Amino acid sequence: MLIGMPAGDAEKVQAFGFTLIFPITFTSSAFGVVDTLPGRLQAFSDVNPVTHLSDAFRGLLLGGPVVEPVMWSLVRAAGITPVFCPTAMRAYRAKVRGGRPGVVRRAGYRTAHQQRYGVGQA
């Protein structure tokens, strides 16, 4: 949502998301063994959330360790949510109001859309 608000176009959001996800996915253990990566990439792969998620799936499918990778994935999700959820909601509210984030409007203010279509009337 945070990426989609300023982009305004589905293709732009997809291109930006792919640009972020592509290197994270290929530096994880999803496609290969982490021990074969160079030193710096091994360190990055050890803290990569996709590594923990793919290890959890691998453990479920092949009968390996499951609890630790699932817990790391849940901890990552719990850490990311409080950081990006308020920011995304603030951008969404600004988009809906038709203004900038953080702009406070006086009581009774209605946007042109609300005035035209009678939205927000009691």
N, C-alpha and C. Protein backbone atom coordinates (compact mmCIF):
# COMPACT_ATOMS: atom_id res chain seq x y z
N MET A 1 0.82 -1.17 0.00
CA MET A 1 0.00 0.00 0.00
C MET A 1 0.88 1.25 0.00
N LEU A 2 1.97 1.20 0.74
CA LEU A 2 2.85 2.35 0.82
C LEU A 2 3.46 2.67 -0.54
N ILE A 3 3.76 1.65 -1.32
CA ILE A 3 4.32 1.85 -2.66
C ILE A 3 3.23 2.25 -3.64
N GLY A 4 2.04 1.72 -3.47
CA GLY A 4 0.96 1.96 -4.42
C GLY A 4 0.37 3.36 -4.36
N MET A 5 0.41 3.99 -3.22
CA MET A 5 -0.21 5.32 -3.10
C MET A 5 0.49 6.36 -3.97
N PRO A 6 1.80 6.53 -3.86
CA PRO A 6 2.42 7.56 -4.71
C PRO A 6 2.55 7.14 -6.17
N ALA A 7 2.62 5.84 -6.44
CA ALA A 7 2.82 5.38 -7.82
C ALA A 7 1.58 5.64 -8.66
N GLY A 8 0.42 5.23 -8.17
CA GLY A 8 -0.82 5.51 -8.86
C GLY A 8 -1.11 4.62 -10.05
N ASP A 9 -0.21 3.72 -10.41
CA ASP A 9 -0.39 2.88 -11.57
C ASP A 9 0.08 1.47 -11.21
N ALA A 10 -0.69 0.46 -11.59
CA ALA A 10 -0.36 -0.92 -11.22
C ALA A 10 0.97 -1.37 -11.81
N GLU A 11 1.28 -0.94 -13.01
CA GLU A 11 2.54 -1.35 -13.64
C GLU A 11 3.75 -0.77 -12.90
N LYS A 12 3.62 0.47 -12.44
CA LYS A 12 4.72 1.08 -11.69
C LYS A 12 4.93 0.38 -10.36
N VAL A 13 3.85 0.02 -9.70
CA VAL A 13 3.96 -0.69 -8.43
C VAL A 13 4.62 -2.05 -8.64
N GLN A 14 4.22 -2.76 -9.69
CA GLN A 14 4.79 -4.06 -9.99
C GLN A 14 6.27 -3.95 -10.31
N ALA A 15 6.66 -2.97 -11.09
CA ALA A 15 8.07 -2.80 -11.44
C ALA A 15 8.91 -2.46 -10.21
N PHE A 16 8.39 -1.58 -9.36
CA PHE A 16 9.12 -1.22 -8.15
C PHE A 16 9.22 -2.40 -7.19
N GLY A 17 8.13 -3.13 -7.02
CA GLY A 17 8.15 -4.31 -6.15
C GLY A 17 9.10 -5.37 -6.65
N PHE A 18 9.12 -5.60 -7.96
CA PHE A 18 10.04 -6.58 -8.53
C PHE A 18 11.49 -6.15 -8.33
N THR A 19 11.75 -4.86 -8.43
CA THR A 19 13.11 -4.35 -8.22
C THR A 19 13.58 -4.62 -6.79
N LEU A 20 12.67 -4.57 -5.83
CA LEU A 20 13.03 -4.85 -4.44
C LEU A 20 13.14 -6.35 -4.16
N ILE A 21 12.19 -7.12 -4.69
CA ILE A 21 12.12 -8.55 -4.36
C ILE A 21 13.18 -9.35 -5.10
N PHE A 22 13.54 -8.97 -6.30
CA PHE A 22 14.49 -9.74 -7.12
C PHE A 22 15.81 -10.01 -6.40
N PRO A 23 16.54 -8.99 -5.91
CA PRO A 23 17.81 -9.29 -5.25
C PRO A 23 17.63 -10.02 -3.91
N ILE A 24 16.54 -9.74 -3.21
CA ILE A 24 16.33 -10.42 -1.93
C ILE A 24 16.10 -11.91 -2.15
N THR A 25 15.35 -12.24 -3.19
CA THR A 25 15.06 -13.65 -3.46
C THR A 25 16.30 -14.41 -3.91
N PHE A 26 17.09 -13.82 -4.78
CA PHE A 26 18.24 -14.54 -5.31
C PHE A 26 19.44 -14.56 -4.37
N THR A 27 19.41 -13.79 -3.31
CA THR A 27 20.48 -13.88 -2.30
C THR A 27 20.01 -14.67 -1.09
N SER A 28 18.92 -15.41 -1.23
CA SER A 28 18.42 -16.25 -0.14
C SER A 28 18.78 -17.71 -0.43
N SER A 29 18.29 -18.58 0.43
CA SER A 29 18.54 -20.00 0.22
C SER A 29 17.43 -20.65 -0.58
N ALA A 30 16.60 -19.87 -1.26
CA ALA A 30 15.48 -20.42 -2.02
C ALA A 30 15.95 -21.21 -3.23
N PHE A 31 17.03 -20.78 -3.88
CA PHE A 31 17.47 -21.42 -5.11
C PHE A 31 18.79 -22.16 -4.99
N GLY A 32 19.46 -22.03 -3.88
CA GLY A 32 20.75 -22.69 -3.72
C GLY A 32 21.17 -22.75 -2.27
N VAL A 33 22.29 -23.42 -2.03
CA VAL A 33 22.82 -23.58 -0.69
C VAL A 33 23.56 -22.30 -0.31
N VAL A 34 23.32 -21.82 0.88
CA VAL A 34 23.92 -20.56 1.34
C VAL A 34 25.44 -20.70 1.44
N ASP A 35 25.95 -21.88 1.75
CA ASP A 35 27.40 -22.09 1.91
C ASP A 35 28.17 -21.86 0.62
N THR A 36 27.52 -21.89 -0.54
CA THR A 36 28.21 -21.68 -1.81
C THR A 36 28.32 -20.19 -2.18
N LEU A 37 27.67 -19.32 -1.43
CA LEU A 37 27.72 -17.88 -1.70
C LEU A 37 29.01 -17.28 -1.15
N PRO A 38 29.47 -16.16 -1.71
CA PRO A 38 30.63 -15.46 -1.14
C PRO A 38 30.32 -14.97 0.29
N GLY A 39 31.35 -14.61 1.03
CA GLY A 39 31.23 -14.28 2.45
C GLY A 39 30.19 -13.23 2.79
N ARG A 40 30.22 -12.09 2.09
CA ARG A 40 29.26 -11.03 2.38
C ARG A 40 27.83 -11.44 2.06
N LEU A 41 27.66 -12.17 0.97
CA LEU A 41 26.32 -12.63 0.63
C LEU A 41 25.82 -13.69 1.60
N GLN A 42 26.74 -14.48 2.15
CA GLN A 42 26.34 -15.45 3.18
C GLN A 42 25.81 -14.72 4.41
N ALA A 43 26.49 -13.67 4.81
CA ALA A 43 26.04 -12.90 5.97
C ALA A 43 24.69 -12.26 5.70
N PHE A 44 24.49 -11.72 4.50
CA PHE A 44 23.20 -11.14 4.14
C PHE A 44 22.12 -12.21 4.06
N SER A 45 22.47 -13.36 3.52
CA SER A 45 21.50 -14.45 3.39
C SER A 45 21.06 -14.99 4.75
N ASP A 46 21.94 -14.94 5.73
CA ASP A 46 21.59 -15.43 7.07
C ASP A 46 20.50 -14.57 7.73
N VAL A 47 20.43 -13.29 7.39
CA VAL A 47 19.42 -12.40 7.97
C VAL A 47 18.29 -12.09 6.97
N ASN A 48 18.32 -12.72 5.82
CA ASN A 48 17.33 -12.49 4.77
C ASN A 48 16.00 -13.15 5.16
N PRO A 49 14.89 -12.42 5.15
CA PRO A 49 13.62 -13.03 5.52
C PRO A 49 13.16 -14.12 4.56
N VAL A 50 13.54 -14.03 3.30
CA VAL A 50 13.16 -15.06 2.34
C VAL A 50 13.88 -16.38 2.65
N THR A 51 15.10 -16.29 3.18
CA THR A 51 15.82 -17.50 3.58
C THR A 51 15.05 -18.24 4.66
N HIS A 52 14.59 -17.53 5.66
CA HIS A 52 13.85 -18.18 6.74
C HIS A 52 12.54 -18.76 6.23
N LEU A 53 11.87 -18.06 5.37
CA LEU A 53 10.61 -18.54 4.83
C LEU A 53 10.82 -19.78 3.95
N SER A 54 11.83 -19.75 3.09
CA SER A 54 12.09 -20.92 2.23
C SER A 54 12.59 -22.10 3.05
N ASP A 55 13.36 -21.85 4.11
CA ASP A 55 13.77 -22.95 5.00
C ASP A 55 12.58 -23.57 5.70
N ALA A 56 11.60 -22.75 6.07
CA ALA A 56 10.39 -23.28 6.71
C ALA A 56 9.60 -24.16 5.73
N PHE A 57 9.44 -23.70 4.49
CA PHE A 57 8.75 -24.51 3.49
C PHE A 57 9.52 -25.80 3.20
N ARG A 58 10.82 -25.67 3.08
CA ARG A 58 11.64 -26.85 2.83
C ARG A 58 11.51 -27.85 3.98
N GLY A 59 11.50 -27.37 5.20
CA GLY A 59 11.33 -28.26 6.34
C GLY A 59 9.97 -28.94 6.35
N LEU A 60 8.93 -28.21 5.97
CA LEU A 60 7.60 -28.82 5.90
C LEU A 60 7.50 -29.87 4.80
N LEU A 61 8.11 -29.59 3.67
CA LEU A 61 8.00 -30.52 2.54
C LEU A 61 8.94 -31.71 2.65
N LEU A 62 10.14 -31.49 3.15
CA LEU A 62 11.15 -32.56 3.17
C LEU A 62 11.39 -33.14 4.56
N GLY A 63 10.75 -32.60 5.57
CA GLY A 63 10.89 -33.15 6.90
C GLY A 63 12.11 -32.65 7.66
N GLY A 64 12.45 -31.39 7.51
CA GLY A 64 13.58 -30.81 8.23
C GLY A 64 13.09 -29.95 9.38
N PRO A 65 13.97 -29.11 9.91
CA PRO A 65 13.55 -28.22 11.00
C PRO A 65 12.53 -27.20 10.51
N VAL A 66 11.49 -27.00 11.32
CA VAL A 66 10.41 -26.11 10.93
C VAL A 66 10.21 -24.98 11.93
N VAL A 67 10.33 -25.28 13.21
CA VAL A 67 9.95 -24.33 14.25
C VAL A 67 10.80 -23.06 14.19
N GLU A 68 12.11 -23.19 14.11
CA GLU A 68 12.97 -22.00 14.12
C GLU A 68 12.76 -21.10 12.90
N PRO A 69 12.72 -21.65 11.66
CA PRO A 69 12.46 -20.76 10.52
C PRO A 69 11.08 -20.09 10.56
N VAL A 70 10.07 -20.82 11.04
CA VAL A 70 8.74 -20.21 11.13
C VAL A 70 8.74 -19.09 12.17
N MET A 71 9.40 -19.33 13.29
CA MET A 71 9.46 -18.30 14.32
C MET A 71 10.19 -17.05 13.82
N TRP A 72 11.31 -17.24 13.10
CA TRP A 72 12.02 -16.09 12.55
C TRP A 72 11.15 -15.33 11.55
N SER A 73 10.39 -16.07 10.73
CA SER A 73 9.50 -15.41 9.76
C SER A 73 8.43 -14.60 10.47
N LEU A 74 7.86 -15.16 11.54
CA LEU A 74 6.84 -14.44 12.29
C LEU A 74 7.41 -13.22 13.01
N VAL A 75 8.63 -13.35 13.53
CA VAL A 75 9.28 -12.22 14.19
C VAL A 75 9.54 -11.10 13.18
N ARG A 76 9.97 -11.46 11.99
CA ARG A 76 10.20 -10.45 10.95
C ARG A 76 8.91 -9.74 10.58
N ALA A 77 7.83 -10.51 10.40
CA ALA A 77 6.55 -9.90 10.06
C ALA A 77 6.06 -9.00 11.18
N ALA A 78 6.24 -9.44 12.42
CA ALA A 78 5.82 -8.63 13.57
C ALA A 78 6.68 -7.37 13.69
N GLY A 79 7.92 -7.41 13.22
CA GLY A 79 8.77 -6.22 13.26
C GLY A 79 8.49 -5.25 12.13
N ILE A 80 8.13 -5.77 10.98
CA ILE A 80 7.88 -4.92 9.81
C ILE A 80 6.53 -4.22 9.91
N THR A 81 5.54 -4.90 10.46
CA THR A 81 4.18 -4.36 10.51
C THR A 81 4.07 -3.04 11.27
N PRO A 82 4.60 -2.94 12.51
CA PRO A 82 4.44 -1.65 13.20
C PRO A 82 5.25 -0.51 12.58
N VAL A 83 6.22 -0.84 11.75
CA VAL A 83 7.01 0.21 11.11
C VAL A 83 6.28 0.76 9.89
N PHE A 84 5.79 -0.13 9.03
CA PHE A 84 5.23 0.31 7.76
C PHE A 84 3.73 0.50 7.75
N CYS A 85 3.00 -0.11 8.66
CA CYS A 85 1.53 0.05 8.67
C CYS A 85 1.11 1.49 8.94
N PRO A 86 1.63 2.17 9.96
CA PRO A 86 1.22 3.57 10.16
C PRO A 86 1.61 4.48 9.00
N THR A 87 2.77 4.23 8.42
CA THR A 87 3.21 5.05 7.29
C THR A 87 2.29 4.84 6.09
N ALA A 88 1.93 3.59 5.83
CA ALA A 88 1.04 3.29 4.71
C ALA A 88 -0.35 3.86 4.94
N MET A 89 -0.84 3.77 6.15
CA MET A 89 -2.17 4.32 6.44
C MET A 89 -2.18 5.85 6.33
N ARG A 90 -1.09 6.47 6.71
CA ARG A 90 -1.00 7.92 6.59
C ARG A 90 -1.01 8.34 5.12
N ALA A 91 -0.30 7.59 4.27
CA ALA A 91 -0.30 7.88 2.83
C ALA A 91 -1.68 7.62 2.23
N TYR A 92 -2.34 6.57 2.70
CA TYR A 92 -3.68 6.25 2.20
C TYR A 92 -4.68 7.35 2.57
N ARG A 93 -4.64 7.79 3.82
CA ARG A 93 -5.56 8.85 4.25
C ARG A 93 -5.31 10.14 3.47
N ALA A 94 -4.05 10.44 3.22
CA ALA A 94 -3.74 11.64 2.44
C ALA A 94 -4.26 11.51 1.02
N LYS A 95 -4.17 10.33 0.45
CA LYS A 95 -4.66 10.11 -0.91
C LYS A 95 -6.18 10.23 -0.96
N VAL A 96 -6.85 9.67 0.05
CA VAL A 96 -8.31 9.74 0.09
C VAL A 96 -8.78 11.17 0.31
N ARG A 97 -8.10 11.90 1.17
CA ARG A 97 -8.47 13.29 1.44
C ARG A 97 -8.09 14.23 0.31
N GLY A 98 -7.19 13.79 -0.53
CA GLY A 98 -6.77 14.62 -1.64
C GLY A 98 -5.72 15.64 -1.25
N GLY A 99 -5.02 15.39 -0.16
CA GLY A 99 -4.01 16.35 0.29
C GLY A 99 -2.70 15.67 0.61
N ARG A 100 -1.88 16.38 1.33
CA ARG A 100 -0.58 15.86 1.72
C ARG A 100 -0.69 15.20 3.10
N PRO A 101 0.21 14.25 3.39
CA PRO A 101 0.19 13.65 4.73
C PRO A 101 0.49 14.70 5.79
N GLY A 102 -0.24 14.62 6.89
CA GLY A 102 0.01 15.51 8.00
C GLY A 102 -0.74 16.83 7.94
N VAL A 103 -1.46 17.09 6.83
CA VAL A 103 -2.20 18.34 6.72
C VAL A 103 -3.51 18.19 7.47
N VAL A 104 -3.75 19.06 8.41
CA VAL A 104 -4.98 19.03 9.21
C VAL A 104 -5.96 20.02 8.61
N ARG A 105 -7.18 19.57 8.37
CA ARG A 105 -8.20 20.43 7.80
C ARG A 105 -9.16 20.88 8.90
N ARG A 106 -9.77 22.02 8.70
CA ARG A 106 -10.70 22.53 9.70
C ARG A 106 -11.96 21.67 9.70
N ALA A 107 -12.70 21.74 10.79
CA ALA A 107 -13.93 20.97 10.92
C ALA A 107 -14.93 21.40 9.86
N GLY A 108 -15.60 20.44 9.27
CA GLY A 108 -16.61 20.74 8.26
C GLY A 108 -16.04 20.87 6.86
N TYR A 109 -14.72 20.74 6.68
CA TYR A 109 -14.12 20.86 5.35
C TYR A 109 -14.50 19.64 4.52
N ARG A 110 -14.88 19.88 3.29
CA ARG A 110 -15.19 18.77 2.38
C ARG A 110 -14.43 18.99 1.09
N THR A 111 -13.88 17.90 0.55
CA THR A 111 -13.15 17.99 -0.70
C THR A 111 -14.13 18.22 -1.85
N ALA A 112 -13.60 18.50 -3.03
CA ALA A 112 -14.44 18.72 -4.20
C ALA A 112 -15.23 17.46 -4.53
N HIS A 113 -14.63 16.31 -4.37
CA HIS A 113 -15.32 15.04 -4.61
C HIS A 113 -16.50 14.87 -3.64
N GLN A 114 -16.26 15.19 -2.38
CA GLN A 114 -17.33 15.08 -1.39
C GLN A 114 -18.46 16.06 -1.68
N GLN A 115 -18.13 17.27 -2.11
CA GLN A 115 -19.14 18.26 -2.42
C GLN A 115 -19.95 17.85 -3.66
N ARG A 116 -19.26 17.34 -4.67
CA ARG A 116 -19.92 17.00 -5.93
C ARG A 116 -20.88 15.82 -5.75
N TYR A 117 -20.45 14.79 -5.01
CA TYR A 117 -21.25 13.58 -4.91
C TYR A 117 -22.00 13.45 -3.59
N GLY A 118 -21.94 14.46 -2.74
CA GLY A 118 -22.69 14.43 -1.50
C GLY A 118 -22.15 13.46 -0.48
N VAL A 119 -20.89 13.12 -0.59
CA VAL A 119 -20.27 12.19 0.34
C VAL A 119 -19.94 12.95 1.62
N GLY A 120 -20.17 12.34 2.77
CA GLY A 120 -19.83 12.95 4.04
C GLY A 120 -20.90 13.84 4.63
N GLN A 121 -22.06 13.88 4.01
CA GLN A 121 -23.14 14.67 4.59
C GLN A 121 -23.87 13.85 5.64
N ALA A 122 -24.36 14.51 6.66
CA ALA A 122 -25.06 13.82 7.75
C ALA A 122 -26.49 13.53 7.36
